[in-house]
């Protein structure tokens, strides 16, 4: 006796429960909206982004996946989805802040690489 029972459907195949799916697909990517704790100008934001992309790959994961994530961050949501699908990246949050590669390595992206802050100064 178990807590889960499945019955065959009319075609003779057992239905697959939705919860059993190992992959979670995010149907549509969305731009992150965030506010910086301290206001940043465009030059400071660019320096933070460059520092992140230059150092993050050394903490693990695949360089190719980091490159795909970087390209996706610089793209519109539709192109980002195409780039991530091609790299076999599974996005776990619609803002792309958490994703996994095909080997199961977790990639976390900070808000400042995903979008400009709402309090960006000129």
Protein backbone atom coordinates (compact mmCIF):
# COMPACT_ATOMS: atom_id res chain seq x y z
CA UNK A 1 0.00 0.00 0.00
CA UNK A 2 1.36 3.41 -0.89
CA UNK A 3 0.35 7.03 -0.73
CA UNK A 4 0.40 7.47 -4.49
CA UNK A 5 -1.68 5.45 -6.86
CA UNK A 6 -1.92 5.83 -10.58
CA UNK A 7 -4.45 4.35 -12.91
CA UNK A 8 -4.07 3.76 -16.59
CA UNK A 9 -5.86 6.20 -18.82
CA UNK A 10 -8.10 5.16 -21.72
CA UNK A 11 -5.08 4.70 -24.02
CA UNK A 12 -3.49 2.28 -21.56
CA UNK A 13 -0.65 4.50 -20.39
CA UNK A 14 -0.20 5.46 -16.76
CA UNK A 15 -0.49 9.24 -16.25
CA UNK A 16 2.61 11.09 -15.13
CA UNK A 17 2.10 13.29 -12.07
CA UNK A 18 3.16 16.89 -12.59
CA UNK A 19 5.17 16.89 -9.36
CA UNK A 20 7.38 14.09 -10.67
CA UNK A 21 8.94 16.29 -13.34
CA UNK A 22 12.61 16.88 -12.53
CA UNK A 23 12.87 20.00 -14.65
CA UNK A 24 11.17 23.25 -13.80
CA UNK A 25 10.66 25.51 -16.76
CA UNK A 26 10.16 29.23 -16.43
CA UNK A 27 7.76 30.08 -19.22
CA UNK A 28 8.71 33.72 -19.57
CA UNK A 29 11.73 35.68 -18.40
CA UNK A 30 11.10 39.00 -16.70
CA UNK A 31 13.36 41.97 -16.09
CA UNK A 32 14.27 42.40 -12.46
CA UNK A 33 13.20 45.62 -10.74
CA UNK A 34 15.47 46.56 -7.83
CA UNK A 35 16.83 49.51 -5.89
CA UNK A 36 20.48 49.89 -4.94
CA UNK A 37 21.25 50.50 -1.24
CA UNK A 38 23.55 53.30 -2.32
CA UNK A 39 22.80 55.15 -5.54
CA UNK A 40 25.11 54.18 -8.41
CA UNK A 41 26.01 56.13 -11.51
CA UNK A 42 26.36 54.36 -14.84
CA UNK A 43 30.16 54.16 -14.62
CA UNK A 44 30.13 52.59 -11.14
CA UNK A 45 27.47 50.10 -12.21
CA UNK A 46 29.53 49.13 -15.26
CA UNK A 47 32.64 48.62 -13.07
CA UNK A 48 30.66 46.33 -10.71
CA UNK A 49 29.39 44.31 -13.67
CA UNK A 50 32.85 43.97 -15.20
CA UNK A 51 34.32 42.87 -11.87
CA UNK A 52 31.57 40.27 -11.43
CA UNK A 53 31.91 38.79 -14.92
CA UNK A 54 35.74 38.76 -14.66
CA UNK A 55 35.81 36.93 -11.32
CA UNK A 56 32.67 34.80 -11.07
CA UNK A 57 33.78 31.96 -13.38
CA UNK A 58 36.65 31.17 -11.01
CA UNK A 59 34.17 30.03 -8.35
CA UNK A 60 32.98 27.07 -10.41
CA UNK A 61 30.76 26.12 -13.24
CA UNK A 62 31.48 26.22 -16.94
CA UNK A 63 33.02 29.22 -18.68
CA UNK A 64 30.64 28.62 -21.60
CA UNK A 65 27.62 28.82 -19.28
CA UNK A 66 28.92 32.03 -17.68
CA UNK A 67 29.35 33.49 -21.18
CA UNK A 68 25.79 32.45 -22.10
CA UNK A 69 24.45 34.01 -18.89
CA UNK A 70 26.35 37.23 -19.58
CA UNK A 71 24.97 37.41 -23.13
CA UNK A 72 21.45 36.66 -21.85
CA UNK A 73 21.70 39.47 -19.28
CA UNK A 74 22.57 41.92 -22.05
CA UNK A 75 19.67 40.74 -24.25
CA UNK A 76 15.94 41.25 -24.32
CA UNK A 77 13.93 38.46 -22.59
CA UNK A 78 13.06 36.64 -25.83
CA UNK A 79 16.67 36.47 -27.04
CA UNK A 80 17.83 35.58 -23.52
CA UNK A 81 15.53 32.54 -23.55
CA UNK A 82 16.95 31.42 -26.91
CA UNK A 83 20.54 31.81 -25.66
CA UNK A 84 19.85 29.94 -22.42
CA UNK A 85 17.98 27.14 -24.19
CA UNK A 86 20.90 26.71 -26.60
CA UNK A 87 23.32 26.46 -23.67
CA UNK A 88 21.00 23.99 -21.89
CA UNK A 89 20.58 26.32 -18.92
CA UNK A 90 17.52 25.73 -16.75
CA UNK A 91 16.29 29.02 -15.30
CA UNK A 92 14.69 28.57 -11.89
CA UNK A 93 13.49 32.15 -11.34
CA UNK A 94 11.90 34.30 -14.02
CA UNK A 95 14.41 37.12 -13.36
CA UNK A 96 17.34 34.74 -14.17
CA UNK A 97 18.86 35.17 -10.70
CA UNK A 98 19.11 31.39 -10.18
CA UNK A 99 19.78 28.79 -12.84
CA UNK A 100 21.41 25.39 -13.36
CA UNK A 101 23.46 23.90 -16.16
CA UNK A 102 22.98 20.40 -17.58
CA UNK A 103 25.46 18.98 -15.02
CA UNK A 104 23.49 20.43 -12.12
CA UNK A 105 25.83 23.29 -11.20
CA UNK A 106 24.00 26.25 -9.66
CA UNK A 107 24.59 29.74 -11.04
CA UNK A 108 23.47 32.78 -9.03
CA UNK A 109 23.42 36.25 -10.52
CA UNK A 110 23.28 39.44 -8.43
CA UNK A 111 20.70 42.12 -9.24
CA UNK A 112 23.25 44.57 -10.64
CA UNK A 113 24.09 42.30 -13.61
CA UNK A 114 20.43 41.58 -14.37
CA UNK A 115 19.10 45.14 -14.64
CA UNK A 116 19.83 48.77 -13.87
CA UNK A 117 18.66 49.88 -10.42
CA UNK A 118 15.63 52.15 -10.18
CA UNK A 119 17.77 54.78 -8.45
CA UNK A 120 20.56 54.90 -11.07
CA UNK A 121 22.05 58.40 -11.10
CA UNK A 122 23.15 60.28 -14.19
